[in-house]
Amino acid sequence: MDQSRPKPDLIIFDCDGVLVDSELLSCRCLSEVLAEFGFALSEEQALELFLGRSTKAIEQHYRDLGQVVPDGFLPRLKSRVLETFAAALEPIPGVRAVISKLTTPFCVASSSDIDRVSLSLDVTDLRAHFGGRLYTAQMVRHGKPAPDLFLHAAAQMGAEPARALVIEDSVSGVQAGKAAGMTVWGFVGGSHYRGRDGRAILSAAGADRVFARMSDFWEA
């Protein structure tokens, strides 16, 4: 880490794509469940449109197109995601070693709902490291890219936003962290960045630093 910049008072981790390698699984589930309801959306399109966004963003996207997502869609999507995660979800390589050595307070702030975050951390044996320090888009009025969730997490953790460090893998997450007045590091080690220039994508979004391996976490 840049020695001219003091270490943060709080580290806020996104969950999907940062702690757990879930983004491709999520996009596959979204594409398949949308197809069940008559909506055509490829996994690649799902990744481009909804990476780091909440389910509210999915509904709003189709509302803006003049289409209404049926009432049964969100419960069906949640069920499919939870089933898929329980069977196939893996942690991001090296993340357990990073968080187990942290002396700085840390928490999770995710666009996913609390059930999905809890399952993700349980399945990957990361939950014990976070306890109840889990904050989700359900807890605020506006999800990412608005700053609300990160500001809420910082307030709950008793930290000043300017002294918080956010670890994010999505454009909307980077934008949310910067809007909150926080330092943001972009992480591009998830499988959804294979074949994509994640460094350029997150740098353009405003990330203060971009890295691809958790083993490089504290290296500038």
Foldseek 3Di string as FASTA:
>chain_A
DPPVDDAFLEEEEAPDPTFKQCLLVLLVLLQVLVVVVPDHDHSVRCCVQAVQAAVVSVQVVVVVVVDGDDPCRVVSSVVSSLVCLLPDMETQPPPVVVLVPDPRHYAYEGQYDPVNRVSNCVSHVNCVSHPPLYWYPVVDDDGFLAQTRVVVSCVVVVGQLCRYEYEEADLRVLNNSVNSNHAYEHEQQHPVCVVHPSQVRNVVSPHPYYDYHNVCVPPD
